[in-house]
Amino acid sequence: NLDNMSDLDFIKDTKLQKVVENASEYIAYQTDLLKKGKQSQLYKQESYRVIILYVISMVEAIFLYIYKERGEKSPVVNINIFNRFHPHIIIKIK
């Protein structure tokens, strides 16, 4: 349960803070369901993949927010994070 999100107080953009809180709560909820349920292995694997995408999106949004707050230009980075499952996907952060 993520009742106290004071760790996100550094995010002054209330809309972004709420999105990150909601995503965190969704991840916690889904993780609990997967631990308790008797889903198929494929369902669990795909659910964990979705959870990983949520985490990556949250981290990316926070990093881009920090760059914006500092007045810095965010770097262009090529990250092949799905090498094992999706080697054709390249994420470009601009």
PDB file of N, CA and C in Angstrom:
ATOM      1  N   ASN A   1       0.843  -1.183   0.000  1.00  0.00           N
ATOM      2  CA  ASN A   1       0.000   0.000   0.000  1.00  0.00           C
ATOM      3  C   ASN A   1       0.888   1.245   0.000  1.00  0.00           C
ATOM      4  N   LEU A   2       0.581   2.170  -0.878  1.00  0.00           N
ATOM      5  CA  LEU A   2       1.408   3.370  -1.022  1.00  0.00           C
ATOM      6  C   LEU A   2       0.652   4.605  -0.552  1.00  0.00           C
ATOM      7  N   ASP A   3       0.245   4.603   0.706  1.00  0.00           N
ATOM      8  CA  ASP A   3      -0.536   5.714   1.231  1.00  0.00           C
ATOM      9  C   ASP A   3       0.273   6.994   1.359  1.00  0.00           C
ATOM     10  N   ASN A   4       1.537   6.883   1.709  1.00  0.00           N
ATOM     11  CA  ASN A   4       2.365   8.067   1.921  1.00  0.00           C
ATOM     12  C   ASN A   4       3.383   8.188   0.796  1.00  0.00           C
ATOM     13  N   MET A   5       3.137   9.098  -0.114  1.00  0.00           N
ATOM     14  CA  MET A   5       4.023   9.257  -1.263  1.00  0.00           C
ATOM     15  C   MET A   5       4.934  10.464  -1.086  1.00  0.00           C
ATOM     16  N   SER A   6       5.333  10.751   0.154  1.00  0.00           N
ATOM     17  CA  SER A   6       6.148  11.932   0.431  1.00  0.00           C
ATOM     18  C   SER A   6       7.484  11.880  -0.308  1.00  0.00           C
ATOM     19  N   ASP A   7       7.912  10.693  -0.721  1.00  0.00           N
ATOM     20  CA  ASP A   7       9.152  10.590  -1.485  1.00  0.00           C
ATOM     21  C   ASP A   7       9.038  11.282  -2.839  1.00  0.00           C
ATOM     22  N   LEU A   8       7.821  11.562  -3.283  1.00  0.00           N
ATOM     23  CA  LEU A   8       7.606  12.225  -4.565  1.00  0.00           C
ATOM     24  C   LEU A   8       7.397  13.730  -4.417  1.00  0.00           C
ATOM     25  N   ASP A   9       7.589  14.260  -3.231  1.00  0.00           N
ATOM     26  CA  ASP A   9       7.372  15.687  -3.002  1.00  0.00           C
ATOM     27  C   ASP A   9       8.304  16.570  -3.825  1.00  0.00           C
ATOM     28  N   PHE A  10       9.406  16.022  -4.298  1.00  0.00           N
ATOM     29  CA  PHE A  10      10.317  16.817  -5.126  1.00  0.00           C
ATOM     30  C   PHE A  10       9.709  17.125  -6.486  1.00  0.00           C
ATOM     31  N   ILE A  11       8.648  16.400  -6.869  1.00  0.00           N
ATOM     32  CA  ILE A  11       7.954  16.661  -8.135  1.00  0.00           C
ATOM     33  C   ILE A  11       6.913  17.742  -7.874  1.00  0.00           C
ATOM     34  N   LYS A  12       7.197  18.939  -8.330  1.00  0.00           N
ATOM     35  CA  LYS A  12       6.293  20.069  -8.086  1.00  0.00           C
ATOM     36  C   LYS A  12       5.122  20.097  -9.058  1.00  0.00           C
ATOM     37  N   ASP A  13       5.262  19.420 -10.186  1.00  0.00           N
ATOM     38  CA  ASP A  13       4.183  19.307 -11.166  1.00  0.00           C
ATOM     39  C   ASP A  13       3.161  18.315 -10.601  1.00  0.00           C
ATOM     40  N   THR A  14       2.037  18.846 -10.110  1.00  0.00           N
ATOM     41  CA  THR A  14       1.065  18.006  -9.411  1.00  0.00           C
ATOM     42  C   THR A  14       0.451  16.946 -10.327  1.00  0.00           C
ATOM     43  N   LYS A  15       0.294  17.271 -11.591  1.00  0.00           N
ATOM     44  CA  LYS A  15      -0.262  16.295 -12.533  1.00  0.00           C
ATOM     45  C   LYS A  15       0.697  15.118 -12.696  1.00  0.00           C
ATOM     46  N   LEU A  16       1.971  15.399 -12.886  1.00  0.00           N
ATOM     47  CA  LEU A  16       2.972  14.337 -13.013  1.00  0.00           C
ATOM     48  C   LEU A  16       3.066  13.540 -11.714  1.00  0.00           C
ATOM     49  N   GLN A  17       3.040  14.228 -10.593  1.00  0.00           N
ATOM     50  CA  GLN A  17       3.120  13.545  -9.303  1.00  0.00           C
ATOM     51  C   GLN A  17       1.951  12.561  -9.145  1.00  0.00           C
ATOM     52  N   LYS A  18       0.768  12.977  -9.538  1.00  0.00           N
ATOM     53  CA  LYS A  18      -0.412  12.114  -9.441  1.00  0.00           C
ATOM     54  C   LYS A  18      -0.292  10.915 -10.384  1.00  0.00           C
ATOM     55  N   VAL A  19       0.218  11.134 -11.579  1.00  0.00           N
ATOM     56  CA  VAL A  19       0.398  10.037 -12.539  1.00  0.00           C
ATOM     57  C   VAL A  19       1.388   9.008 -11.986  1.00  0.00           C
ATOM     58  N   VAL A  20       2.488   9.489 -11.420  1.00  0.00           N
ATOM     59  CA  VAL A  20       3.491   8.587 -10.850  1.00  0.00           C
ATOM     60  C   VAL A  20       2.905   7.834  -9.648  1.00  0.00           C
ATOM     61  N   GLU A  21       2.147   8.521  -8.817  1.00  0.00           N
ATOM     62  CA  GLU A  21       1.500   7.858  -7.676  1.00  0.00           C
ATOM     63  C   GLU A  21       0.548   6.766  -8.162  1.00  0.00           C
ATOM     64  N   ASN A  22      -0.289   7.101  -9.142  1.00  0.00           N
ATOM     65  CA  ASN A  22      -1.248   6.126  -9.667  1.00  0.00           C
ATOM     66  C   ASN A  22      -0.536   4.922 -10.286  1.00  0.00           C
ATOM     67  N   ALA A  23       0.519   5.179 -11.034  1.00  0.00           N
ATOM     68  CA  ALA A  23       1.271   4.087 -11.645  1.00  0.00           C
ATOM     69  C   ALA A  23       1.907   3.210 -10.572  1.00  0.00           C
ATOM     70  N   SER A  24       2.430   3.824  -9.518  1.00  0.00           N
ATOM     71  CA  SER A  24       3.028   3.064  -8.416  1.00  0.00           C
ATOM     72  C   SER A  24       1.991   2.184  -7.733  1.00  0.00           C
ATOM     73  N   GLU A  25       0.825   2.730  -7.520  1.00  0.00           N
ATOM     74  CA  GLU A  25      -0.246   1.964  -6.889  1.00  0.00           C
ATOM     75  C   GLU A  25      -0.689   0.809  -7.784  1.00  0.00           C
ATOM     76  N   TYR A  26      -0.765   1.065  -9.086  1.00  0.00           N
ATOM     77  CA  TYR A  26      -1.141   0.010 -10.038  1.00  0.00           C
ATOM     78  C   TYR A  26      -0.111  -1.116 -10.007  1.00  0.00           C
ATOM     79  N   ILE A  27       1.157  -0.759 -10.001  1.00  0.00           N
ATOM     80  CA  ILE A  27       2.226  -1.759  -9.970  1.00  0.00           C
ATOM     81  C   ILE A  27       2.126  -2.599  -8.700  1.00  0.00           C
ATOM     82  N   ALA A  28       1.923  -1.955  -7.564  1.00  0.00           N
ATOM     83  CA  ALA A  28       1.810  -2.679  -6.298  1.00  0.00           C
ATOM     84  C   ALA A  28       0.592  -3.610  -6.316  1.00  0.00           C
ATOM     85  N   TYR A  29      -0.515  -3.112  -6.827  1.00  0.00           N
ATOM     86  CA  TYR A  29      -1.744  -3.905  -6.905  1.00  0.00           C
ATOM     87  C   TYR A  29      -1.548  -5.126  -7.802  1.00  0.00           C
ATOM     88  N   GLN A  30      -0.987  -4.902  -8.988  1.00  0.00           N
ATOM     89  CA  GLN A  30      -0.775  -6.006  -9.925  1.00  0.00           C
ATOM     90  C   GLN A  30       0.200  -7.036  -9.366  1.00  0.00           C
ATOM     91  N   THR A  31       1.237  -6.570  -8.713  1.00  0.00           N
ATOM     92  CA  THR A  31       2.219  -7.482  -8.133  1.00  0.00           C
ATOM     93  C   THR A  31       1.567  -8.361  -7.068  1.00  0.00           C
ATOM     94  N   ASP A  32       0.744  -7.763  -6.223  1.00  0.00           N
ATOM     95  CA  ASP A  32       0.026  -8.539  -5.199  1.00  0.00           C
ATOM     96  C   ASP A  32      -0.904  -9.575  -5.836  1.00  0.00           C
ATOM     97  N   LEU A  33      -1.620  -9.164  -6.882  1.00  0.00           N
ATOM     98  CA  LEU A  33      -2.511 -10.104  -7.563  1.00  0.00           C
ATOM     99  C   LEU A  33      -1.749 -11.287  -8.147  1.00  0.00           C
ATOM    100  N   LEU A  34      -0.622 -10.997  -8.742  1.00  0.00           N
ATOM    101  CA  LEU A  34       0.162 -12.064  -9.360  1.00  0.00           C
ATOM    102  C   LEU A  34       0.724 -13.032  -8.325  1.00  0.00           C
ATOM    103  N   LYS A  35       1.046 -12.514  -7.154  1.00  0.00           N
ATOM    104  CA  LYS A  35       1.560 -13.382  -6.085  1.00  0.00           C
ATOM    105  C   LYS A  35       0.469 -14.275  -5.520  1.00  0.00           C
ATOM    106  N   LYS A  36      -0.752 -13.768  -5.457  1.00  0.00           N
ATOM    107  CA  LYS A  36      -1.854 -14.494  -4.827  1.00  0.00           C
ATOM    108  C   LYS A  36      -2.612 -15.401  -5.795  1.00  0.00           C
ATOM    109  N   GLY A  37      -2.642 -15.026  -7.062  1.00  0.00           N
ATOM    110  CA  GLY A  37      -3.484 -15.719  -8.030  1.00  0.00           C
ATOM    111  C   GLY A  37      -2.868 -16.981  -8.603  1.00  0.00           C
ATOM    112  N   LYS A  38      -3.705 -17.693  -9.335  1.00  0.00           N
ATOM    113  CA  LYS A  38      -3.271 -18.923  -9.999  1.00  0.00           C
ATOM    114  C   LYS A  38      -3.379 -18.740 -11.515  1.00  0.00           C
ATOM    115  N   GLN A  39      -2.779 -17.654 -11.999  1.00  0.00           N
ATOM    116  CA  GLN A  39      -2.811 -17.376 -13.420  1.00  0.00           C
ATOM    117  C   GLN A  39      -1.838 -18.300 -14.157  1.00  0.00           C
ATOM    118  N   SER A  40      -2.057 -18.391 -15.448  1.00  0.00           N
ATOM    119  CA  SER A  40      -1.146 -19.196 -16.262  1.00  0.00           C
ATOM    120  C   SER A  40       0.228 -18.530 -16.300  1.00  0.00           C
ATOM    121  N   GLN A  41       1.222 -19.298 -16.636  1.00  0.00           N
ATOM    122  CA  GLN A  41       2.587 -18.771 -16.722  1.00  0.00           C
ATOM    123  C   GLN A  41       2.666 -17.661 -17.764  1.00  0.00           C
ATOM    124  N   LEU A  42       1.970 -17.828 -18.884  1.00  0.00           N
ATOM    125  CA  LEU A  42       1.973 -16.807 -19.939  1.00  0.00           C
ATOM    126  C   LEU A  42       1.353 -15.508 -19.429  1.00  0.00           C
ATOM    127  N   TYR A  43       0.241 -15.619 -18.706  1.00  0.00           N
ATOM    128  CA  TYR A  43      -0.405 -14.426 -18.145  1.00  0.00           C
ATOM    129  C   TYR A  43       0.536 -13.700 -17.188  1.00  0.00           C
ATOM    130  N   LYS A  44       1.191 -14.468 -16.322  1.00  0.00           N
ATOM    131  CA  LYS A  44       2.126 -13.861 -15.377  1.00  0.00           C
ATOM    132  C   LYS A  44       3.276 -13.186 -16.108  1.00  0.00           C
ATOM    133  N   GLN A  45       3.817 -13.859 -17.104  1.00  0.00           N
ATOM    134  CA  GLN A  45       4.948 -13.310 -17.853  1.00  0.00           C
ATOM    135  C   GLN A  45       4.561 -11.988 -18.528  1.00  0.00           C
ATOM    136  N   GLU A  46       3.403 -11.964 -19.153  1.00  0.00           N
ATOM    137  CA  GLU A  46       2.958 -10.741 -19.827  1.00  0.00           C
ATOM    138  C   GLU A  46       2.634  -9.639 -18.819  1.00  0.00           C
ATOM    139  N   SER A  47       2.078 -10.013 -17.678  1.00  0.00           N
ATOM    140  CA  SER A  47       1.773  -9.018 -16.637  1.00  0.00           C
ATOM    141  C   SER A  47       3.054  -8.397 -16.098  1.00  0.00           C
ATOM    142  N   TYR A  48       4.071  -9.219 -15.874  1.00  0.00           N
ATOM    143  CA  TYR A  48       5.345  -8.679 -15.407  1.00  0.00           C
ATOM    144  C   TYR A  48       5.974  -7.786 -16.470  1.00  0.00           C
ATOM    145  N   ARG A  49       5.784  -8.111 -17.712  1.00  0.00           N
ATOM    146  CA  ARG A  49       6.297  -7.267 -18.795  1.00  0.00           C
ATOM    147  C   ARG A  49       5.614  -5.890 -18.756  1.00  0.00           C
ATOM    148  N   VAL A  50       4.313  -5.872 -18.517  1.00  0.00           N
ATOM    149  CA  VAL A  50       3.577  -4.608 -18.403  1.00  0.00           C
ATOM    150  C   VAL A  50       4.074  -3.816 -17.204  1.00  0.00           C
ATOM    151  N   ILE A  51       4.306  -4.488 -16.088  1.00  0.00           N
ATOM    152  CA  ILE A  51       4.819  -3.823 -14.888  1.00  0.00           C
ATOM    153  C   ILE A  51       6.172  -3.185 -15.175  1.00  0.00           C
ATOM    154  N   ILE A  52       7.037  -3.904 -15.881  1.00  0.00           N
ATOM    155  CA  ILE A  52       8.350  -3.358 -16.236  1.00  0.00           C
ATOM    156  C   ILE A  52       8.194  -2.117 -17.108  1.00  0.00           C
ATOM    157  N   LEU A  53       7.273  -2.143 -18.048  1.00  0.00           N
ATOM    158  CA  LEU A  53       7.047  -0.968 -18.902  1.00  0.00           C
ATOM    159  C   LEU A  53       6.548   0.219 -18.083  1.00  0.00           C
ATOM    160  N   TYR A  54       5.689  -0.036 -17.110  1.00  0.00           N
ATOM    161  CA  TYR A  54       5.229   1.035 -16.223  1.00  0.00           C
ATOM    162  C   TYR A  54       6.407   1.649 -15.465  1.00  0.00           C
ATOM    163  N   VAL A  55       7.264   0.804 -14.916  1.00  0.00           N
ATOM    164  CA  VAL A  55       8.419   1.303 -14.159  1.00  0.00           C
ATOM    165  C   VAL A  55       9.322   2.132 -15.059  1.00  0.00           C
ATOM    166  N   ILE A  56       9.602   1.632 -16.243  1.00  0.00           N
ATOM    167  CA  ILE A  56      10.463   2.352 -17.184  1.00  0.00           C
ATOM    168  C   ILE A  56       9.847   3.704 -17.541  1.00  0.00           C
ATOM    169  N   SER A  57       8.558   3.721 -17.784  1.00  0.00           N
ATOM    170  CA  SER A  57       7.879   4.973 -18.127  1.00  0.00           C
ATOM    171  C   SER A  57       7.933   5.972 -16.984  1.00  0.00           C
ATOM    172  N   MET A  58       7.760   5.481 -15.754  1.00  0.00           N
ATOM    173  CA  MET A  58       7.831   6.372 -14.593  1.00  0.00           C
ATOM    174  C   MET A  58       9.227   6.965 -14.451  1.00  0.00           C
ATOM    175  N   VAL A  59      10.234   6.139 -14.568  1.00  0.00           N
ATOM    176  CA  VAL A  59      11.613   6.612 -14.437  1.00  0.00           C
ATOM    177  C   VAL A  59      11.929   7.621 -15.533  1.00  0.00           C
ATOM    178  N   GLU A  60      11.525   7.326 -16.745  1.00  0.00           N
ATOM    179  CA  GLU A  60      11.761   8.248 -17.856  1.00  0.00           C
ATOM    180  C   GLU A  60      11.076   9.592 -17.607  1.00  0.00           C
ATOM    181  N   ALA A  61       9.822   9.554 -17.176  1.00  0.00           N
ATOM    182  CA  ALA A  61       9.087  10.798 -16.918  1.00  0.00           C
ATOM    183  C   ALA A  61       9.750  11.618 -15.823  1.00  0.00           C
ATOM    184  N   ILE A  62      10.220  10.954 -14.784  1.00  0.00           N
ATOM    185  CA  ILE A  62      10.886  11.669 -13.686  1.00  0.00           C
ATOM    186  C   ILE A  62      12.202  12.273 -14.157  1.00  0.00           C
ATOM    187  N   PHE A  63      12.983  11.512 -14.911  1.00  0.00           N
ATOM    188  CA  PHE A  63      14.245  12.053 -15.431  1.00  0.00           C
ATOM    189  C   PHE A  63      14.011  13.248 -16.350  1.00  0.00           C
ATOM    190  N   LEU A  64      13.029  13.150 -17.234  1.00  0.00           N
ATOM    191  CA  LEU A  64      12.742  14.273 -18.134  1.00  0.00           C
ATOM    192  C   LEU A  64      12.248  15.485 -17.352  1.00  0.00           C
ATOM    193  N   TYR A  65      11.477  15.251 -16.301  1.00  0.00           N
ATOM    194  CA  TYR A  65      11.023  16.338 -15.438  1.00  0.00           C
ATOM    195  C   TYR A  65      12.221  17.025 -14.776  1.00  0.00           C
ATOM    196  N   ILE A  66      13.155  16.226 -14.262  1.00  0.00           N
ATOM    197  CA  ILE A  66      14.343  16.796 -13.606  1.00  0.00           C
ATOM    198  C   ILE A  66      15.154  17.628 -14.597  1.00  0.00           C
ATOM    199  N   TYR A  67      15.345  17.120 -15.806  1.00  0.00           N
ATOM    200  CA  TYR A  67      16.062  17.903 -16.814  1.00  0.00           C
ATOM    201  C   TYR A  67      15.351  19.222 -17.081  1.00  0.00           C
ATOM    202  N   LYS A  68      14.033  19.171 -17.196  1.00  0.00           N
ATOM    203  CA  LYS A  68      13.260  20.388 -17.463  1.00  0.00           C
ATOM    204  C   LYS A  68      13.401  21.380 -16.310  1.00  0.00           C
ATOM    205  N   GLU A  69      13.294  20.903 -15.077  1.00  0.00           N
ATOM    206  CA  GLU A  69      13.399  21.772 -13.904  1.00  0.00           C
ATOM    207  C   GLU A  69      14.779  22.424 -13.795  1.00  0.00           C
ATOM    208  N   ARG A  70      15.790  21.724 -14.193  1.00  0.00           N
ATOM    209  CA  ARG A  70      17.151  22.258 -14.142  1.00  0.00           C
ATOM    210  C   ARG A  70      17.458  23.182 -15.318  1.00  0.00           C
ATOM    211  N   GLY A  71      16.539  23.213 -16.278  1.00  0.00           N
ATOM    212  CA  GLY A  71      16.766  24.034 -17.456  1.00  0.00           C
ATOM    213  C   GLY A  71      17.772  23.428 -18.419  1.00  0.00           C
ATOM    214  N   GLU A  72      18.010  22.141 -18.273  1.00  0.00           N
ATOM    215  CA  GLU A  72      18.977  21.455 -19.132  1.00  0.00           C
ATOM    216  C   GLU A  72      18.257  20.819 -20.310  1.00  0.00           C
ATOM    217  N   LYS A  73      18.997  20.688 -21.387  1.00  0.00           N
ATOM    218  CA  LYS A  73      18.466  19.973 -22.539  1.00  0.00           C
ATOM    219  C   LYS A  73      18.654  18.488 -22.261  1.00  0.00           C
ATOM    220  N   SER A  74      17.587  17.732 -22.411  1.00  0.00           N
ATOM    221  CA  SER A  74      17.707  16.309 -22.132  1.00  0.00           C
ATOM    222  C   SER A  74      18.532  15.635 -23.230  1.00  0.00           C
ATOM    223  N   PRO A  75      19.325  14.660 -22.834  1.00  0.00           N
ATOM    224  CA  PRO A  75      20.204  14.004 -23.808  1.00  0.00           C
ATOM    225  C   PRO A  75      19.423  13.101 -24.747  1.00  0.00           C
ATOM    226  N   VAL A  76      19.993  12.852 -25.895  1.00  0.00           N
ATOM    227  CA  VAL A  76      19.438  11.861 -26.812  1.00  0.00           C
ATOM    228  C   VAL A  76      20.155  10.565 -26.504  1.00  0.00           C
ATOM    229  N   VAL A  77      19.384   9.571 -26.130  1.00  0.00           N
ATOM    230  CA  VAL A  77      19.956   8.303 -25.708  1.00  0.00           C
ATOM    231  C   VAL A  77      19.260   7.174 -26.447  1.00  0.00           C
ATOM    232  N   ASN A  78      20.031   6.240 -26.959  1.00  0.00           N
ATOM    233  CA  ASN A  78      19.460   5.032 -27.543  1.00  0.00           C
ATOM    234  C   ASN A  78      19.628   3.914 -26.532  1.00  0.00           C
ATOM    235  N   ILE A  79      18.527   3.345 -26.116  1.00  0.00           N
ATOM    236  CA  ILE A  79      18.573   2.284 -25.121  1.00  0.00           C
ATOM    237  C   ILE A  79      17.824   1.077 -25.667  1.00  0.00           C
ATOM    238  N   ASN A  80      18.500  -0.036 -25.818  1.00  0.00           N
ATOM    239  CA  ASN A  80      17.828  -1.252 -26.245  1.00  0.00           C
ATOM    240  C   ASN A  80      17.500  -2.065 -25.005  1.00  0.00           C
ATOM    241  N   ILE A  81      16.380  -1.735 -24.350  1.00  0.00           N
ATOM    242  CA  ILE A  81      16.028  -2.358 -23.079  1.00  0.00           C
ATOM    243  C   ILE A  81      15.273  -3.663 -23.234  1.00  0.00           C
ATOM    244  N   PHE A  82      14.834  -3.932 -24.444  1.00  0.00           N
ATOM    245  CA  PHE A  82      14.047  -5.135 -24.666  1.00  0.00           C
ATOM    246  C   PHE A  82      14.837  -6.174 -25.451  1.00  0.00           C
ATOM    247  N   ASN A  83      16.141  -6.167 -25.305  1.00  0.00           N
ATOM    248  CA  ASN A  83      17.001  -7.004 -26.126  1.00  0.00           C
ATOM    249  C   ASN A  83      16.574  -8.466 -26.122  1.00  0.00           C
ATOM    250  N   ARG A  84      16.212  -8.963 -24.982  1.00  0.00           N
ATOM    251  CA  ARG A  84      15.866 -10.382 -24.887  1.00  0.00           C
ATOM    252  C   ARG A  84      14.562 -10.717 -25.599  1.00  0.00           C
ATOM    253  N   PHE A  85      13.537  -9.868 -25.447  1.00  0.00           N
ATOM    254  CA  PHE A  85      12.226 -10.178 -25.999  1.00  0.00           C
ATOM    255  C   PHE A  85      11.925  -9.448 -27.299  1.00  0.00           C
ATOM    256  N   HIS A  86      12.417  -8.234 -27.409  1.00  0.00           N
ATOM    257  CA  HIS A  86      12.117  -7.408 -28.579  1.00  0.00           C
ATOM    258  C   HIS A  86      13.386  -6.695 -29.054  1.00  0.00           C
ATOM    259  N   PRO A  87      14.309  -7.414 -29.666  1.00  0.00           N
ATOM    260  CA  PRO A  87      15.581  -6.783 -30.054  1.00  0.00           C
ATOM    261  C   PRO A  87      15.423  -5.691 -31.105  1.00  0.00           C
ATOM    262  N   HIS A  88      14.279  -5.627 -31.768  1.00  0.00           N
ATOM    263  CA  HIS A  88      14.058  -4.615 -32.798  1.00  0.00           C
ATOM    264  C   HIS A  88      13.585  -3.275 -32.227  1.00  0.00           C
ATOM    265  N   ILE A  89      13.276  -3.214 -30.930  1.00  0.00           N
ATOM    266  CA  ILE A  89      12.768  -1.972 -30.334  1.00  0.00           C
ATOM    267  C   ILE A  89      13.923  -1.166 -29.767  1.00  0.00           C
ATOM    268  N   ILE A  90      14.038   0.057 -30.215  1.00  0.00           N
ATOM    269  CA  ILE A  90      15.028   1.003 -29.706  1.00  0.00           C
ATOM    270  C   ILE A  90      14.247   2.192 -29.157  1.00  0.00           C
ATOM    271  N   ILE A  91      14.518   2.572 -27.928  1.00  0.00           N
ATOM    272  CA  ILE A  91      13.865   3.728 -27.321  1.00  0.00           C
ATOM    273  C   ILE A  91      14.779   4.923 -27.477  1.00  0.00           C
ATOM    274  N   LYS A  92      14.249   6.003 -28.020  1.00  0.00           N
ATOM    275  CA  LYS A  92      15.022   7.237 -28.171  1.00  0.00           C
ATOM    276  C   LYS A  92      14.399   8.296 -27.291  1.00  0.00           C
ATOM    277  N   ILE A  93      15.182   8.836 -26.377  1.00  0.00           N
ATOM    278  CA  ILE A  93      14.731   9.909 -25.496  1.00  0.00           C
ATOM    279  C   ILE A  93      15.317  11.199 -26.018  1.00  0.00           C
ATOM    280  N   LYS A  94      14.477  12.154 -26.345  1.00  0.00           N
ATOM    281  CA  LYS A  94      14.966  13.428 -26.874  1.00  0.00           C
ATOM    282  C   LYS A  94      14.632  14.540 -25.924  1.00  0.00           C
TER     283      LYS A  94
END
